Every structure is written in structure tokens, then in C-alpha cells.
Amino acid sequence: MGIGTLAGMAIAAIAAIALLATNSDYGMFLPGLLEGTALTLKIAVLGSLLAVAMGVLAALARLYGPTPLRWLATIYIEIFRGTSALVQLFWLFFVLPQFGLMMDALTVAILALGLNVGAYGSEVVRGAIQSVARGQWEATVALNMSPAQALRRIILPQAFVAMIPPWGNLFIELLKSTALVSLITLGDLTFKAQQMNQATLKTVPIFTLVLLIYLVMSLVITIFMRLLERRASRGLARGRAA
């Protein structure tokens, strides 16, 4: 599906929200839902930044780090891939205080979702690096580059293009997983919707708006990642031509 089609879908979804908001049964809920959306976006953005950082660090540690770092990276990846994001969220929020480590709900949400997605992202990064042709590594040796220089200047720019589509999927999964933070008292989009539904029992208008808002956010992420992939691919092509 092209970027133009995705943009058209996003515009149509926004138009649908605006049209529904003109109906009093829908419009009365929109301000509160948008307030929850702001928190959802904050958690998603900060969680995504943490996920990328942890994914890259864990992948590099597994591939090139000393043995202790490789073990630490492997333990991190297997724990966060092998257990439920909900359990991780609850463990950080309810269990860690038993050991004297207190964190506010927003910090817990960002940590839990970022670390969870980062564990999956590390395998994306590792696979992308290993997919770079062996001849590229051999060329860096011939140019007398250090391993760090080879990674920074030759390998990672090529691997980056291959990483973008799966990272886009992971960012969308993280966005959808933000619905879990309502269970630790954060007033995100899902939490606001549940509160409104319990107070008014107007399930159809509330969750129709919620569906459309999540759809718009997911489409924006997809469009951004497609544009990033296109730009990175062009830059890589120019680099090869040079």
C-alpha cells in the first residue's frame, strides 16, 4: 500500500472523527479522549526511544561484546521476550516497591513497554547487521578500518534500511500495548474510554472514537516509517553510486 493511500486513509479517519464530533452523542466525549490520547502518545514516543536504544545496545552486545555482556544481553532479551508485557508492567509497578524501589506509574509504563519492545527490536537489529553481505566486511578490512569504523560507516547504514519496516511494526505494537497502562491507574486513551463508558454506558460512540483515534496514530507511524525508509534507501543508493 502506497504512502498516498495511507495518507488518504488517515485523512478520512480524521474527517470521520470531526464529523462524528458534530453529533452531541459523540462530541461530548472527544475532549476527554483527546486528553487521554496526549498521554498515550507521550508513553508511545518515550517508550519507542527507549526500545530503539535498548534494541541497538543489546544487539551489538550479543554480536561483538565480551562474554559477560553477551550473557547480560541474552538474559535481558529472553526475559522480556519470554514473559507477558502485562506481567512485566505489574512486576515493575507492584513488586519492585517490595524491595524498596519506587517509581511513578508513568516511568513504569515507559520502562516496561520500552524494554519489552526493545528485546524484540534487538533481534531485528542483529538480523539486519548479519544480512549485510560478507564482502562489505572484507572491504572494510582491505581499507584498514577498525571494527567500530566499519560498523559506523559501512555496515550500520546498510543494515538501517533493512531495520525500518520491522521497527515500524514494533512501534505500532508498542502503541497498542499502551492500553495496558490503564491497569496501573494512568489516564491514557483506554483508561479515559473505560471511565466514560462506566459513567454513561454509551459504548458505541466512545469506542468508535477510540478505534478511529488509534487508527490515525497507527497510520501516522506507518507513513513516517515509509518516508524514512524511502529517504534512507535513496541515501544508500547515492552512497553506493559514489
C-alpha atoms as a PDB file:
ATOM      1  CA  MET A   1       0.000   0.000   0.000  1.00  0.00           C
ATOM      2  CA  GLY A   2       1.465   3.331  -1.067  1.00  0.00           C
ATOM      3  CA  ILE A   3       2.089   6.374   1.098  1.00  0.00           C
ATOM      4  CA  GLY A   4      -0.626   8.288  -0.751  1.00  0.00           C
ATOM      5  CA  THR A   5      -3.209   5.626   0.071  1.00  0.00           C
ATOM      6  CA  LEU A   6      -2.137   5.556   3.718  1.00  0.00           C
ATOM      7  CA  ALA A   7      -2.324   9.340   3.908  1.00  0.00           C
ATOM      8  CA  GLY A   8      -5.792   9.227   2.359  1.00  0.00           C
ATOM      9  CA  MET A   9      -6.913   6.713   4.965  1.00  0.00           C
ATOM     10  CA  ALA A  10      -5.528   8.882   7.774  1.00  0.00           C
ATOM     11  CA  ILE A  11      -7.286  11.972   6.413  1.00  0.00           C
ATOM     12  CA  ALA A  12     -10.529  10.015   6.055  1.00  0.00           C
ATOM     13  CA  ALA A  13     -10.275   8.788   9.647  1.00  0.00           C
ATOM     14  CA  ILE A  14      -9.624  12.333  10.918  1.00  0.00           C
ATOM     15  CA  ALA A  15     -12.575  13.599   8.869  1.00  0.00           C
ATOM     16  CA  ALA A  16     -14.754  10.861  10.348  1.00  0.00           C
ATOM     17  CA  ILE A  17     -13.749  11.912  13.871  1.00  0.00           C
ATOM     18  CA  ALA A  18     -14.514  15.558  13.055  1.00  0.00           C
ATOM     19  CA  LEU A  19     -17.889  14.624  11.536  1.00  0.00           C
ATOM     20  CA  LEU A  20     -18.872  12.446  14.475  1.00  0.00           C
ATOM     21  CA  ALA A  21     -17.860  15.212  16.874  1.00  0.00           C
ATOM     22  CA  THR A  22     -20.661  17.351  15.441  1.00  0.00           C
ATOM     23  CA  ASN A  23     -23.110  14.842  16.922  1.00  0.00           C
ATOM     24  CA  SER A  24     -23.700  15.566  20.587  1.00  0.00           C
ATOM     25  CA  ASP A  25     -23.633  11.849  21.478  1.00  0.00           C
ATOM     26  CA  TYR A  26     -20.046  11.702  20.166  1.00  0.00           C
ATOM     27  CA  GLY A  27     -18.789  15.249  20.627  1.00  0.00           C
ATOM     28  CA  MET A  28     -19.289  15.220  24.397  1.00  0.00           C
ATOM     29  CA  PHE A  29     -16.631  12.506  24.744  1.00  0.00           C
ATOM     30  CA  LEU A  30     -13.995  13.803  22.342  1.00  0.00           C
ATOM     31  CA  PRO A  31     -12.224  16.344  24.633  1.00  0.00           C
ATOM     32  CA  GLY A  32     -11.642  13.748  27.344  1.00  0.00           C
ATOM     33  CA  LEU A  33     -10.488  11.158  24.826  1.00  0.00           C
ATOM     34  CA  LEU A  34      -8.039  13.610  23.274  1.00  0.00           C
ATOM     35  CA  GLU A  35      -6.649  14.305  26.744  1.00  0.00           C
ATOM     36  CA  GLY A  36      -6.019  10.578  27.138  1.00  0.00           C
ATOM     37  CA  THR A  37      -4.545  10.464  23.637  1.00  0.00           C
ATOM     38  CA  ALA A  38      -1.878  13.006  24.642  1.00  0.00           C
ATOM     39  CA  LEU A  39      -0.683  10.712  27.425  1.00  0.00           C
ATOM     40  CA  THR A  40      -0.825   7.689  25.140  1.00  0.00           C
ATOM     41  CA  LEU A  41       1.391   9.488  22.618  1.00  0.00           C
ATOM     42  CA  LYS A  42       3.847  10.542  25.325  1.00  0.00           C
ATOM     43  CA  ILE A  43       4.234   6.957  26.537  1.00  0.00           C
ATOM     44  CA  ALA A  44       4.492   5.643  22.972  1.00  0.00           C
ATOM     45  CA  VAL A  45       7.164   8.148  21.903  1.00  0.00           C
ATOM     46  CA  LEU A  46       9.341   7.821  25.004  1.00  0.00           C
ATOM     47  CA  GLY A  47       8.872   4.055  25.068  1.00  0.00           C
ATOM     48  CA  SER A  48       9.900   3.856  21.404  1.00  0.00           C
ATOM     49  CA  LEU A  49      13.074   5.858  22.044  1.00  0.00           C
ATOM     50  CA  LEU A  50      13.973   3.524  24.907  1.00  0.00           C
ATOM     51  CA  ALA A  51      13.161   0.489  22.758  1.00  0.00           C
ATOM     52  CA  VAL A  52      15.465   1.624  19.953  1.00  0.00           C
ATOM     53  CA  ALA A  53      18.299   2.373  22.376  1.00  0.00           C
ATOM     54  CA  MET A  54      17.960  -0.984  24.144  1.00  0.00           C
ATOM     55  CA  GLY A  55      17.500  -2.874  20.880  1.00  0.00           C
ATOM     56  CA  VAL A  56      20.696  -1.473  19.363  1.00  0.00           C
ATOM     57  CA  LEU A  57      22.753  -1.884  22.537  1.00  0.00           C
ATOM     58  CA  ALA A  58      21.580  -5.443  23.159  1.00  0.00           C
ATOM     59  CA  ALA A  59      22.183  -6.470  19.547  1.00  0.00           C
ATOM     60  CA  LEU A  60      25.704  -5.010  19.479  1.00  0.00           C
ATOM     61  CA  ALA A  61      26.468  -6.599  22.846  1.00  0.00           C
ATOM     62  CA  ARG A  62      25.377 -10.026  21.595  1.00  0.00           C
ATOM     63  CA  LEU A  63      27.321  -9.728  18.370  1.00  0.00           C
ATOM     64  CA  TYR A  64      30.529  -8.016  19.438  1.00  0.00           C
ATOM     65  CA  GLY A  65      30.613  -7.628  23.215  1.00  0.00           C
ATOM     66  CA  PRO A  66      32.788  -9.570  25.661  1.00  0.00           C
ATOM     67  CA  THR A  67      31.298 -12.731  27.118  1.00  0.00           C
ATOM     68  CA  PRO A  68      29.774 -11.120  30.256  1.00  0.00           C
ATOM     69  CA  LEU A  69      27.992  -8.506  28.130  1.00  0.00           C
ATOM     70  CA  ARG A  70      26.758 -11.179  25.741  1.00  0.00           C
ATOM     71  CA  TRP A  71      25.273 -13.104  28.647  1.00  0.00           C
ATOM     72  CA  LEU A  72      23.617  -9.985  30.066  1.00  0.00           C
ATOM     73  CA  ALA A  73      22.147  -9.091  26.673  1.00  0.00           C
ATOM     74  CA  THR A  74      20.873 -12.642  26.179  1.00  0.00           C
ATOM     75  CA  ILE A  75      19.279 -12.732  29.632  1.00  0.00           C
ATOM     76  CA  TYR A  76      17.568  -9.381  29.020  1.00  0.00           C
ATOM     77  CA  ILE A  77      16.248 -10.447  25.616  1.00  0.00           C
ATOM     78  CA  GLU A  78      14.962 -13.834  26.736  1.00  0.00           C
ATOM     79  CA  ILE A  79      13.266 -12.499  29.877  1.00  0.00           C
ATOM     80  CA  PHE A  80      11.439  -9.687  28.111  1.00  0.00           C
ATOM     81  CA  ARG A  81      10.542 -11.762  25.053  1.00  0.00           C
ATOM     82  CA  GLY A  82       9.543 -14.792  27.083  1.00  0.00           C
ATOM     83  CA  THR A  83       7.157 -13.137  29.533  1.00  0.00           C
ATOM     84  CA  SER A  84       3.968 -11.138  29.128  1.00  0.00           C
ATOM     85  CA  ALA A  85       4.178  -7.352  28.816  1.00  0.00           C
ATOM     86  CA  LEU A  86       1.306  -7.160  31.310  1.00  0.00           C
ATOM     87  CA  VAL A  87       3.239  -9.233  33.861  1.00  0.00           C
ATOM     88  CA  GLN A  88       6.315  -7.055  33.326  1.00  0.00           C
ATOM     89  CA  LEU A  89       4.222  -3.940  33.879  1.00  0.00           C
ATOM     90  CA  PHE A  90       2.715  -5.327  37.082  1.00  0.00           C
ATOM     91  CA  TRP A  91       6.083  -6.596  38.313  1.00  0.00           C
ATOM     92  CA  LEU A  92       7.722  -3.192  37.943  1.00  0.00           C
ATOM     93  CA  PHE A  93       4.758  -1.368  39.480  1.00  0.00           C
ATOM     94  CA  PHE A  94       3.692  -3.709  42.284  1.00  0.00           C
ATOM     95  CA  VAL A  95       6.670  -5.987  43.046  1.00  0.00           C
ATOM     96  CA  LEU A  96       9.688  -3.666  42.903  1.00  0.00           C
ATOM     97  CA  PRO A  97       8.297  -1.470  45.734  1.00  0.00           C
ATOM     98  CA  GLN A  98       8.507  -4.570  47.947  1.00  0.00           C
ATOM     99  CA  PHE A  99      12.281  -4.304  47.508  1.00  0.00           C
ATOM    100  CA  GLY A 100      12.330  -0.573  48.205  1.00  0.00           C
ATOM    101  CA  LEU A 101      12.429   0.617  44.589  1.00  0.00           C
ATOM    102  CA  MET A 102       9.548   3.014  43.964  1.00  0.00           C
ATOM    103  CA  MET A 103       8.735   4.519  40.570  1.00  0.00           C
ATOM    104  CA  ASP A 104       5.790   6.567  39.421  1.00  0.00           C
ATOM    105  CA  ALA A 105       3.281   4.976  37.073  1.00  0.00           C
ATOM    106  CA  LEU A 106       4.434   6.932  34.001  1.00  0.00           C
ATOM    107  CA  THR A 107       8.059   5.837  34.453  1.00  0.00           C
ATOM    108  CA  VAL A 108       6.965   2.233  34.930  1.00  0.00           C
ATOM    109  CA  ALA A 109       4.864   2.360  31.755  1.00  0.00           C
ATOM    110  CA  ILE A 110       7.720   3.742  29.659  1.00  0.00           C
ATOM    111  CA  LEU A 111      10.231   1.262  31.103  1.00  0.00           C
ATOM    112  CA  ALA A 112       8.014  -1.805  30.763  1.00  0.00           C
ATOM    113  CA  LEU A 113       6.898  -1.141  27.191  1.00  0.00           C
ATOM    114  CA  GLY A 114      10.285   0.176  26.058  1.00  0.00           C
ATOM    115  CA  LEU A 115      12.207  -2.782  27.474  1.00  0.00           C
ATOM    116  CA  ASN A 116       9.665  -5.255  26.133  1.00  0.00           C
ATOM    117  CA  VAL A 117       9.737  -3.927  22.576  1.00  0.00           C
ATOM    118  CA  GLY A 118      13.487  -3.348  22.768  1.00  0.00           C
ATOM    119  CA  ALA A 119      14.013  -7.069  23.355  1.00  0.00           C
ATOM    120  CA  TYR A 120      12.205  -7.862  20.106  1.00  0.00           C
ATOM    121  CA  GLY A 121      13.932  -4.973  18.374  1.00  0.00           C
ATOM    122  CA  SER A 122      17.361  -6.317  19.297  1.00  0.00           C
ATOM    123  CA  GLU A 123      16.712  -9.349  17.111  1.00  0.00           C
ATOM    124  CA  VAL A 124      15.664  -7.047  14.271  1.00  0.00           C
ATOM    125  CA  VAL A 125      18.931  -5.122  14.600  1.00  0.00           C
ATOM    126  CA  ARG A 126      21.018  -8.281  14.890  1.00  0.00           C
ATOM    127  CA  GLY A 127      19.372  -9.848  11.855  1.00  0.00           C
ATOM    128  CA  ALA A 128      19.802  -6.677   9.785  1.00  0.00           C
ATOM    129  CA  ILE A 129      23.501  -6.432  10.635  1.00  0.00           C
ATOM    130  CA  GLN A 130      24.083 -10.086   9.808  1.00  0.00           C
ATOM    131  CA  SER A 131      22.236  -9.684   6.496  1.00  0.00           C
ATOM    132  CA  VAL A 132      24.878  -7.255   5.185  1.00  0.00           C
ATOM    133  CA  ALA A 133      26.962  -9.062   2.572  1.00  0.00           C
ATOM    134  CA  ARG A 134      30.213 -10.524   3.871  1.00  0.00           C
ATOM    135  CA  GLY A 135      32.048  -8.742   1.084  1.00  0.00           C
ATOM    136  CA  GLN A 136      31.273  -5.439   2.780  1.00  0.00           C
ATOM    137  CA  TRP A 137      33.151  -6.573   5.882  1.00  0.00           C
ATOM    138  CA  GLU A 138      36.041  -7.774   3.749  1.00  0.00           C
ATOM    139  CA  ALA A 139      36.160  -4.395   2.033  1.00  0.00           C
ATOM    140  CA  THR A 140      36.470  -2.611   5.382  1.00  0.00           C
ATOM    141  CA  VAL A 141      39.400  -4.858   6.288  1.00  0.00           C
ATOM    142  CA  ALA A 142      41.050  -4.024   2.969  1.00  0.00           C
ATOM    143  CA  LEU A 143      40.565  -0.317   3.760  1.00  0.00           C
ATOM    144  CA  ASN A 144      42.228  -0.865   7.147  1.00  0.00           C
ATOM    145  CA  MET A 145      39.135   0.227   9.099  1.00  0.00           C
ATOM    146  CA  SER A 146      38.712  -0.679  12.735  1.00  0.00           C
ATOM    147  CA  PRO A 147      35.615  -2.781  13.591  1.00  0.00           C
ATOM    148  CA  ALA A 148      33.976   0.312  15.131  1.00  0.00           C
ATOM    149  CA  GLN A 149      34.649   2.379  11.998  1.00  0.00           C
ATOM    150  CA  ALA A 150      33.371  -0.416   9.782  1.00  0.00           C
ATOM    151  CA  LEU A 151      30.128  -0.641  11.753  1.00  0.00           C
ATOM    152  CA  ARG A 152      29.545   3.097  11.873  1.00  0.00           C
ATOM    153  CA  ARG A 153      30.466   3.984   8.305  1.00  0.00           C
ATOM    154  CA  ILE A 154      29.655   0.887   6.227  1.00  0.00           C
ATOM    155  CA  ILE A 155      27.628  -1.827   7.973  1.00  0.00           C
ATOM    156  CA  LEU A 156      25.048   0.062  10.053  1.00  0.00           C
ATOM    157  CA  PRO A 157      23.958   2.441   7.244  1.00  0.00           C
ATOM    158  CA  GLN A 158      23.162  -0.587   5.064  1.00  0.00           C
ATOM    159  CA  ALA A 159      21.549  -2.520   7.900  1.00  0.00           C
ATOM    160  CA  PHE A 160      19.464   0.527   8.859  1.00  0.00           C
ATOM    161  CA  VAL A 161      17.379   0.293   5.686  1.00  0.00           C
ATOM    162  CA  ALA A 162      16.534  -3.342   6.418  1.00  0.00           C
ATOM    163  CA  MET A 163      15.574  -2.490  10.016  1.00  0.00           C
ATOM    164  CA  ILE A 164      12.992   0.173   9.224  1.00  0.00           C
ATOM    165  CA  PRO A 165       9.929  -1.935   8.202  1.00  0.00           C
ATOM    166  CA  PRO A 166      10.080  -4.326  11.183  1.00  0.00           C
ATOM    167  CA  TRP A 167      10.733  -1.444  13.565  1.00  0.00           C
ATOM    168  CA  GLY A 168       7.617   0.239  12.181  1.00  0.00           C
ATOM    169  CA  ASN A 169       5.606  -2.850  13.107  1.00  0.00           C
ATOM    170  CA  LEU A 170       7.140  -2.857  16.581  1.00  0.00           C
ATOM    171  CA  PHE A 171       6.277   0.814  17.120  1.00  0.00           C
ATOM    172  CA  ILE A 172       2.655   0.092  16.246  1.00  0.00           C
ATOM    173  CA  GLU A 173       2.637  -2.875  18.634  1.00  0.00           C
ATOM    174  CA  LEU A 174       4.031  -0.619  21.346  1.00  0.00           C
ATOM    175  CA  LEU A 175       1.328   1.962  20.643  1.00  0.00           C
ATOM    176  CA  LYS A 176      -1.381  -0.674  21.005  1.00  0.00           C
ATOM    177  CA  SER A 177       0.253  -2.024  24.162  1.00  0.00           C
ATOM    178  CA  THR A 178      -0.132   1.375  25.818  1.00  0.00           C
ATOM    179  CA  ALA A 179      -3.713   0.279  26.519  1.00  0.00           C
ATOM    180  CA  LEU A 180      -2.233  -1.886  29.294  1.00  0.00           C
ATOM    181  CA  VAL A 181      -1.105   1.137  31.301  1.00  0.00           C
ATOM    182  CA  SER A 182      -4.715   1.850  32.224  1.00  0.00           C
ATOM    183  CA  LEU A 183      -4.312  -1.069  34.648  1.00  0.00           C
ATOM    184  CA  ILE A 184      -1.761   0.880  36.699  1.00  0.00           C
ATOM    185  CA  THR A 185      -4.020   3.933  37.035  1.00  0.00           C
ATOM    186  CA  LEU A 186      -2.623   6.024  34.165  1.00  0.00           C
ATOM    187  CA  GLY A 187      -5.254   8.119  32.391  1.00  0.00           C
ATOM    188  CA  ASP A 188      -4.371   7.112  28.842  1.00  0.00           C
ATOM    189  CA  LEU A 189      -6.845   6.863  25.971  1.00  0.00           C
ATOM    190  CA  THR A 190      -8.145   3.441  27.017  1.00  0.00           C
ATOM    191  CA  PHE A 191      -8.476   4.475  30.663  1.00  0.00           C
ATOM    192  CA  LYS A 192     -10.477   7.565  29.723  1.00  0.00           C
ATOM    193  CA  ALA A 193     -12.729   5.473  27.484  1.00  0.00           C
ATOM    194  CA  GLN A 194     -13.369   2.935  30.238  1.00  0.00           C
ATOM    195  CA  GLN A 195     -14.193   5.677  32.725  1.00  0.00           C
ATOM    196  CA  MET A 196     -16.638   7.332  30.325  1.00  0.00           C
ATOM    197  CA  ASN A 197     -18.255   4.032  29.440  1.00  0.00           C
ATOM    198  CA  GLN A 198     -18.790   3.114  33.086  1.00  0.00           C
ATOM    199  CA  ALA A 199     -20.309   6.528  33.794  1.00  0.00           C
ATOM    200  CA  THR A 200     -22.592   6.786  30.753  1.00  0.00           C
ATOM    201  CA  LEU A 201     -22.895   3.271  29.255  1.00  0.00           C
ATOM    202  CA  LYS A 202     -22.598   4.861  25.796  1.00  0.00           C
ATOM    203  CA  THR A 203     -20.312   2.146  24.466  1.00  0.00           C
ATOM    204  CA  VAL A 204     -20.835   2.670  20.736  1.00  0.00           C
ATOM    205  CA  PRO A 205     -19.862   6.355  20.439  1.00  0.00           C
ATOM    206  CA  ILE A 206     -16.997   6.104  22.934  1.00  0.00           C
ATOM    207  CA  PHE A 207     -15.255   3.109  21.447  1.00  0.00           C
ATOM    208  CA  THR A 208     -15.966   4.157  17.863  1.00  0.00           C
ATOM    209  CA  LEU A 209     -13.971   7.310  18.553  1.00  0.00           C
ATOM    210  CA  VAL A 210     -11.259   5.327  20.332  1.00  0.00           C
ATOM    211  CA  LEU A 211     -10.955   2.972  17.353  1.00  0.00           C
ATOM    212  CA  LEU A 212     -10.598   5.868  14.928  1.00  0.00           C
ATOM    213  CA  ILE A 213      -8.038   7.669  17.108  1.00  0.00           C
ATOM    214  CA  TYR A 214      -5.853   4.554  17.397  1.00  0.00           C
ATOM    215  CA  LEU A 215      -6.190   4.052  13.636  1.00  0.00           C
ATOM    216  CA  VAL A 216      -4.989   7.590  12.924  1.00  0.00           C
ATOM    217  CA  MET A 217      -1.964   7.174  15.222  1.00  0.00           C
ATOM    218  CA  SER A 218      -1.044   3.833  13.647  1.00  0.00           C
ATOM    219  CA  LEU A 219      -1.340   5.237  10.128  1.00  0.00           C
ATOM    220  CA  VAL A 220       0.862   8.214  11.037  1.00  0.00           C
ATOM    221  CA  ILE A 221       3.544   5.839  12.335  1.00  0.00           C
ATOM    222  CA  THR A 222       3.334   3.770   9.148  1.00  0.00           C
ATOM    223  CA  ILE A 223       3.575   6.834   6.895  1.00  0.00           C
ATOM    224  CA  PHE A 224       6.548   8.194   8.856  1.00  0.00           C
ATOM    225  CA  MET A 225       8.410   4.876   8.651  1.00  0.00           C
ATOM    226  CA  ARG A 226       7.685   4.546   4.914  1.00  0.00           C
ATOM    227  CA  LEU A 227       9.068   8.042   4.306  1.00  0.00           C
ATOM    228  CA  LEU A 228      12.106   7.263   6.439  1.00  0.00           C
ATOM    229  CA  GLU A 229      12.688   4.029   4.536  1.00  0.00           C
ATOM    230  CA  ARG A 230      12.407   5.830   1.200  1.00  0.00           C
ATOM    231  CA  ARG A 231      14.863   8.525   2.237  1.00  0.00           C
ATOM    232  CA  ALA A 232      17.334   6.030   3.722  1.00  0.00           C
ATOM    233  CA  SER A 233      17.186   3.882   0.588  1.00  0.00           C
ATOM    234  CA  ARG A 234      17.916   6.892  -1.614  1.00  0.00           C
ATOM    235  CA  GLY A 235      20.823   7.912   0.588  1.00  0.00           C
ATOM    236  CA  LEU A 236      22.232   4.403   0.466  1.00  0.00           C
ATOM    237  CA  ALA A 237      21.885   4.320  -3.315  1.00  0.00           C
ATOM    238  CA  ARG A 238      23.751   7.636  -3.615  1.00  0.00           C
ATOM    239  CA  GLY A 239      26.475   6.297  -1.350  1.00  0.00           C
ATOM    240  CA  ARG A 240      26.923   3.203  -3.495  1.00  0.00           C
ATOM    241  CA  ALA A 241      26.969   5.263  -6.682  1.00  0.00           C
ATOM    242  CA  ALA A 242      29.674   7.473  -5.247  1.00  0.00           C
END
